Amino acid sequence: VFALAGTTESQGMTSRSATTDQNFSAFGINGGRSAESLILIDGASSTAIDWGGLMVSPIQDSVQEQQVIQNVYDAQYERGGEGVVTLITRSGASQFHGEAYDFMRNDGLDANAWGNNHSGTPRQKFHRNQLGGNFGGPLWQKHNLFFFGAYEALRQPGSASTVTTVPTAAERQGDFSNSFDSNNKLIVIYNPFSTRQVTDASGNTYYTRDPFQGNKIPSGLINATGQKIANLYGLPTRGSQGGNDTNNYVKSGSDTTTNDKFDWRIDWNKGDKNHLFVRMSDRIRQGDTPSCFFCTGADSNYASN
């Protein structure tokens, strides 16, 4: 689809390098919104009614024909907001045919990312194997019964890195005497229990508070829950890259993606005018475990699904 003029990739969803079927429909046609196309597989809609994501995508080698209607389409297509993509799956033939494949990508063949070079982080682990095979032929040739089946797996162990800011050991104990903002100005911590009303010489009334002595919060005023939350983050791994200990934490973490999917189709060519088939496409497994850099629940994306 991306090779067609007027087709753009979504900016909010990954699609070209996606590892999940739901994001394969994240494209726009002729200025339309992403995920608004109608995708038909063997004449039946395969897009979710609520958000437009692709339910199950057939394996590439299971597709025999593809057509993209970009402009005016007739009334038989009831839900295409910007275009219609039709896919026709492959059927078996009178002779047996099959293939096996493995598309491999390895960090040993890649250069380091610019961001990693900039932060002094070494090249991250990345192994991608997209492997599978298909086989088709006559099931009962005398009665024109044919079959086709395909299987594909994705094994992608890798790693990612992060550069972020975490509380220092002193800040975790309430000591902010060395905490500065980006303008190298001390971040003053005030005692909330010292709030009082003040009237100046002009009769104006306002409220003020006193800073903690030495900009240090007494241990008795540190909230126990807040301290536990702060301790979920790791201690700094390098010196500050700016005011207020900015970007003082760099770490790498492992991630993994494991997908398995299959297609099968059985055709009965009863005659020149009658052709029946049954088809099934499904994903056996779709797992994505992102990297964790604190592995304590402080990671915003730390989850398995």
Protein backbone atom coordinates (compact mmCIF):
# COMPACT_ATOMS: atom_id res chain seq x y z
CA VAL A 1 0.00 0.00 0.00
CA PHE A 2 2.80 2.45 0.87
CA ALA A 3 4.14 2.22 -2.69
CA LEU A 4 0.99 3.89 -4.05
CA ALA A 5 0.93 7.62 -4.72
CA GLY A 6 -1.09 9.56 -2.17
CA THR A 7 -0.59 7.00 0.60
CA THR A 8 1.01 8.08 3.86
CA GLU A 9 2.07 6.27 7.01
CA SER A 10 0.37 7.11 10.27
CA GLN A 11 2.26 9.46 12.58
CA GLY A 12 0.59 8.16 15.72
CA MET A 13 0.71 4.40 15.06
CA THR A 14 3.47 2.18 13.78
CA SER A 15 2.59 0.15 10.73
CA ARG A 16 5.44 -0.54 8.31
CA SER A 17 7.61 -2.14 11.00
CA ALA A 18 4.74 -3.26 13.22
CA THR A 19 4.80 -6.72 14.74
CA THR A 20 1.07 -6.88 15.48
CA ASP A 21 -1.74 -7.22 12.95
CA GLN A 22 -3.79 -4.45 14.54
CA ASN A 23 -1.35 -1.79 13.30
CA PHE A 24 -1.11 -3.01 9.70
CA SER A 25 -4.02 -0.75 8.74
CA ALA A 26 -2.34 2.40 10.06
CA PHE A 27 -2.09 4.27 6.77
CA GLY A 28 -3.88 7.15 5.12
CA ILE A 29 -5.04 7.35 1.49
CA ASN A 30 -5.33 10.64 -0.41
CA GLY A 31 -5.35 12.76 2.71
CA GLY A 32 -7.77 10.58 4.66
CA ARG A 33 -7.35 9.77 8.33
CA SER A 34 -5.31 6.73 9.28
CA ALA A 35 -7.14 3.46 9.96
CA GLU A 36 -10.24 4.63 8.05
CA SER A 37 -9.85 2.26 5.09
CA LEU A 38 -12.06 -0.75 4.56
CA ILE A 39 -9.94 -3.91 4.30
CA LEU A 40 -11.64 -6.93 2.76
CA ILE A 41 -10.19 -10.44 2.80
CA ASP A 42 -11.94 -12.74 0.33
CA GLY A 43 -14.85 -10.29 0.27
CA ALA A 44 -15.38 -10.15 4.04
CA SER A 45 -14.46 -7.17 6.20
CA SER A 46 -11.46 -7.75 8.45
CA THR A 47 -11.36 -4.35 10.16
CA ALA A 48 -12.62 -3.57 13.65
CA ILE A 49 -15.85 -1.57 13.68
CA ASP A 50 -14.87 0.60 16.63
CA TRP A 51 -11.34 1.84 15.83
CA GLY A 52 -10.56 0.52 12.34
CA GLY A 53 -7.65 -1.76 13.20
CA LEU A 54 -7.00 -4.86 11.14
CA MET A 55 -8.28 -7.94 12.95
CA VAL A 56 -6.04 -10.64 11.45
CA SER A 57 -3.68 -10.12 8.54
CA PRO A 58 -3.01 -13.09 6.28
CA ILE A 59 0.61 -14.09 5.77
CA GLN A 60 2.17 -12.36 2.78
CA ASP A 61 2.64 -15.56 0.79
CA SER A 62 -1.00 -16.49 1.47
CA VAL A 63 -2.17 -13.50 -0.62
CA GLN A 64 -2.76 -14.12 -4.32
CA GLU A 65 -4.23 -10.76 -5.35
CA GLN A 66 -4.40 -7.25 -3.89
CA GLN A 67 -6.33 -4.23 -5.08
CA VAL A 68 -6.51 -0.70 -3.66
CA ILE A 69 -9.44 1.54 -4.67
CA GLN A 70 -8.39 5.11 -3.92
CA ASN A 71 -11.09 7.20 -5.52
CA VAL A 72 -14.83 6.83 -6.02
CA TYR A 73 -16.11 3.35 -5.18
CA ASP A 74 -19.62 1.98 -5.51
CA ALA A 75 -22.23 1.28 -2.84
CA GLN A 76 -21.19 -2.32 -2.21
CA TYR A 77 -18.37 -0.96 -0.03
CA GLU A 78 -20.33 0.33 2.93
CA ARG A 79 -17.66 1.57 5.32
CA GLY A 80 -14.57 2.81 3.46
CA GLY A 81 -13.85 6.28 4.82
CA GLU A 82 -10.94 6.95 2.47
CA GLY A 83 -10.32 3.85 0.36
CA VAL A 84 -10.84 0.13 0.01
CA VAL A 85 -8.16 -2.56 0.14
CA THR A 86 -9.18 -6.01 -1.08
CA LEU A 87 -7.10 -9.14 -0.59
CA ILE A 88 -7.72 -12.52 -2.21
CA THR A 89 -6.04 -15.46 -0.51
CA ARG A 90 -4.14 -18.17 -2.34
CA SER A 91 -5.64 -21.56 -3.12
CA GLY A 92 -3.97 -24.88 -3.82
CA ALA A 93 -3.21 -26.09 -7.35
CA SER A 94 -3.14 -29.38 -9.20
CA GLN A 95 0.51 -29.91 -8.25
CA PHE A 96 2.22 -29.77 -4.89
CA HIS A 97 4.21 -26.62 -4.19
CA GLY A 98 5.83 -25.31 -1.03
CA GLU A 99 8.57 -23.14 0.35
CA ALA A 100 10.39 -22.29 3.56
CA TYR A 101 12.05 -18.99 4.44
CA ASP A 102 13.77 -17.01 7.16
CA PHE A 103 14.25 -13.24 6.95
CA MET A 104 17.04 -12.35 9.36
CA ARG A 105 18.32 -9.08 10.77
CA ASN A 106 21.14 -8.96 13.32
CA ASP A 107 22.80 -6.17 15.30
CA GLY A 108 26.15 -7.53 14.10
CA LEU A 109 25.28 -6.09 10.69
CA ASP A 110 23.91 -2.76 11.99
CA ALA A 111 25.57 0.51 12.91
CA ASN A 112 24.87 2.06 16.30
CA ALA A 113 21.95 4.49 16.53
CA TRP A 114 22.70 8.21 16.51
CA GLY A 115 21.02 8.68 19.90
CA ASN A 116 23.14 5.94 21.44
CA ASN A 117 26.32 7.49 20.09
CA HIS A 118 25.26 10.86 21.43
CA SER A 119 24.68 9.52 24.95
CA GLY A 120 27.68 7.22 24.95
CA THR A 121 25.53 4.07 24.93
CA PRO A 122 26.88 1.03 23.07
CA ARG A 123 25.02 -0.64 20.22
CA GLN A 124 21.99 -2.49 21.52
CA LYS A 125 21.15 -6.15 21.01
CA PHE A 126 18.73 -6.79 18.14
CA HIS A 127 17.98 -10.15 16.54
CA ARG A 128 15.01 -10.57 14.21
CA ASN A 129 14.00 -13.83 12.59
CA GLN A 130 10.79 -13.87 10.57
CA LEU A 131 10.50 -17.48 9.49
CA GLY A 132 7.85 -19.75 8.10
CA GLY A 133 6.68 -21.78 5.19
CA ASN A 134 3.70 -22.78 3.11
CA PHE A 135 2.50 -25.84 1.23
CA GLY A 136 -0.38 -26.47 -1.13
CA GLY A 137 -1.69 -28.89 -3.69
CA PRO A 138 -4.47 -31.37 -4.49
CA LEU A 139 -6.38 -32.79 -1.56
CA TRP A 140 -8.64 -34.98 -3.74
CA GLN A 141 -7.83 -34.14 -7.31
CA LYS A 142 -10.48 -36.42 -8.79
CA HIS A 143 -13.14 -34.22 -7.22
CA ASN A 144 -11.23 -30.93 -7.72
CA LEU A 145 -10.53 -30.50 -4.02
CA PHE A 146 -7.40 -28.46 -3.21
CA PHE A 147 -5.71 -27.11 -0.10
CA PHE A 148 -3.19 -24.44 0.89
CA GLY A 149 -1.65 -23.79 4.31
CA ALA A 150 0.96 -21.37 5.69
CA TYR A 151 2.67 -20.69 8.99
CA GLU A 152 4.85 -17.78 10.07
CA ALA A 153 6.72 -17.01 13.29
CA LEU A 154 8.48 -13.90 14.53
CA ARG A 155 11.27 -14.18 17.08
CA GLN A 156 12.73 -10.82 17.99
CA PRO A 157 14.82 -10.60 21.15
CA GLY A 158 16.43 -7.23 21.51
CA SER A 159 17.24 -4.40 23.85
CA ALA A 160 16.66 -0.69 24.27
CA SER A 161 18.23 2.09 26.28
CA THR A 162 16.96 5.11 28.16
CA VAL A 163 18.40 8.44 29.28
CA THR A 164 16.34 10.07 32.01
CA THR A 165 16.48 11.96 35.30
CA VAL A 166 16.09 10.23 38.68
CA PRO A 167 16.24 11.51 42.28
CA THR A 168 19.70 11.59 43.81
CA ALA A 169 20.54 9.76 47.02
CA ALA A 170 20.48 13.08 48.90
CA GLU A 171 17.07 14.08 47.50
CA ARG A 172 15.60 10.76 48.57
CA GLN A 173 16.54 11.71 52.15
CA GLY A 174 15.04 15.20 51.83
CA ASP A 175 18.31 17.04 51.12
CA PHE A 176 17.75 19.52 48.27
CA SER A 177 20.72 21.73 49.10
CA ASN A 178 22.33 20.82 45.78
CA SER A 179 19.21 20.79 43.58
CA PHE A 180 19.27 23.47 40.89
CA ASP A 181 17.06 24.30 37.92
CA SER A 182 18.17 24.72 34.30
CA ASN A 183 19.26 28.30 35.10
CA ASN A 184 21.51 27.03 37.89
CA LYS A 185 19.19 28.55 40.48
CA LEU A 186 18.54 26.71 43.73
CA ILE A 187 15.11 25.06 43.88
CA VAL A 188 13.85 26.30 47.25
CA ILE A 189 11.75 23.85 49.31
CA TYR A 190 9.24 25.54 51.63
CA ASN A 191 7.70 24.21 54.80
CA PRO A 192 3.93 23.88 54.10
CA PHE A 193 3.19 23.99 57.84
CA SER A 194 4.69 27.48 58.15
CA THR A 195 2.05 29.09 55.90
CA ARG A 196 0.75 32.29 57.48
CA GLN A 197 -1.06 35.46 56.53
CA VAL A 198 0.98 38.67 56.28
CA THR A 199 -0.16 42.26 55.88
CA ASP A 200 2.37 44.68 54.42
CA ALA A 201 2.70 48.40 55.15
CA SER A 202 0.21 49.27 52.39
CA GLY A 203 -2.45 47.08 53.94
CA ASN A 204 -2.17 44.34 51.31
CA THR A 205 -2.72 40.83 52.64
CA TYR A 206 -0.95 37.77 51.29
CA TYR A 207 0.31 34.38 52.43
CA THR A 208 3.91 33.32 52.81
CA ARG A 209 5.89 30.28 53.93
CA ASP A 210 9.37 29.73 55.32
CA PRO A 211 12.01 27.72 53.47
CA PHE A 212 13.46 24.72 55.22
CA GLN A 213 16.76 25.42 56.88
CA GLY A 214 19.58 24.45 54.56
CA ASN A 215 16.90 23.47 51.99
CA LYS A 216 16.59 20.12 53.77
CA ILE A 217 13.28 18.49 54.72
CA PRO A 218 13.40 17.06 58.25
CA SER A 219 13.06 13.28 58.29
CA GLY A 220 9.91 13.54 60.38
CA LEU A 221 8.13 15.48 57.60
CA ILE A 222 8.99 13.14 54.74
CA ASN A 223 5.91 11.29 53.54
CA ALA A 224 6.56 7.55 53.79
CA THR A 225 4.55 6.74 50.66
CA GLY A 226 6.27 9.44 48.64
CA GLN A 227 9.68 8.17 49.71
CA LYS A 228 8.79 4.63 48.63
CA ILE A 229 7.69 5.92 45.24
CA ALA A 230 10.97 7.82 44.84
CA ASN A 231 12.90 4.69 45.75
CA LEU A 232 11.27 2.80 42.89
CA TYR A 233 13.64 4.68 40.60
CA GLY A 234 17.26 3.59 40.34
CA LEU A 235 20.12 5.66 41.70
CA PRO A 236 21.99 7.90 39.22
CA THR A 237 24.42 6.04 36.99
CA ARG A 238 26.36 9.09 35.79
CA GLY A 239 26.93 12.74 36.53
CA SER A 240 24.43 15.46 35.75
CA GLN A 241 24.15 16.69 32.16
CA GLY A 242 22.72 20.05 33.26
CA GLY A 243 20.96 21.80 36.11
CA ASN A 244 19.04 19.76 38.68
CA ASP A 245 20.97 16.56 37.81
CA THR A 246 19.34 16.31 34.39
CA ASN A 247 19.82 13.06 32.47
CA ASN A 248 21.76 11.44 35.29
CA TYR A 249 20.49 7.91 34.58
CA VAL A 250 21.42 5.72 31.61
CA LYS A 251 20.54 2.04 31.38
CA SER A 252 19.83 -0.69 28.85
CA GLY A 253 17.12 -3.31 29.12
CA SER A 254 16.10 -6.43 27.20
CA ASP A 255 12.85 -6.81 25.29
CA THR A 256 11.32 -9.58 23.23
CA THR A 257 8.58 -10.06 20.64
CA THR A 258 7.16 -13.52 19.90
CA ASN A 259 4.41 -14.02 17.33
CA ASP A 260 2.95 -17.13 15.66
CA LYS A 261 0.23 -17.15 13.01
CA PHE A 262 -1.23 -19.45 10.37
CA ASP A 263 -3.58 -19.54 7.37
CA TRP A 264 -5.32 -22.44 5.70
CA ARG A 265 -7.77 -22.70 2.86
CA ILE A 266 -9.66 -25.59 1.16
CA ASP A 267 -11.22 -25.12 -2.30
CA TRP A 268 -13.80 -27.22 -4.08
CA ASN A 269 -14.12 -26.45 -7.78
CA LYS A 270 -17.40 -28.25 -8.35
CA GLY A 271 -17.77 -26.92 -11.87
CA ASP A 272 -17.22 -23.94 -14.13
CA LYS A 273 -19.95 -21.98 -12.35
CA ASN A 274 -19.69 -23.29 -8.80
CA HIS A 275 -16.68 -22.75 -6.59
CA LEU A 276 -16.76 -23.19 -2.82
CA PHE A 277 -14.00 -22.57 -0.32
CA VAL A 278 -13.45 -22.34 3.42
CA ARG A 279 -10.59 -20.38 4.95
CA MET A 280 -9.19 -19.60 8.39
CA SER A 281 -6.53 -17.12 9.53
CA ASP A 282 -5.48 -16.80 13.13
CA ARG A 283 -2.64 -15.77 15.39
CA ILE A 284 -1.64 -18.47 17.86
CA ARG A 285 0.47 -16.16 19.93
CA GLN A 286 1.14 -12.44 19.99
CA GLY A 287 3.49 -11.40 22.76
CA ASP A 288 5.43 -8.20 23.27
CA THR A 289 7.48 -7.64 26.42
CA PRO A 290 9.10 -4.18 26.37
CA SER A 291 12.32 -3.30 28.11
CA CYS A 292 12.25 -2.36 31.77
CA PHE A 293 14.90 0.02 33.06
CA PHE A 294 13.91 0.08 36.74
CA CYS A 295 11.89 -3.16 36.78
CA THR A 296 10.06 -2.05 39.91
CA GLY A 297 6.85 -0.67 38.41
CA ALA A 298 8.33 2.77 37.78
CA ASP A 299 8.66 2.06 34.04
CA SER A 300 5.79 3.62 32.12
CA ASN A 301 5.75 0.79 29.55
CA TYR A 302 6.64 -2.16 31.78
CA ALA A 303 4.05 -4.82 30.94
CA SER A 304 3.63 -8.13 29.20
CA ASN A 305 0.78 -8.88 26.83
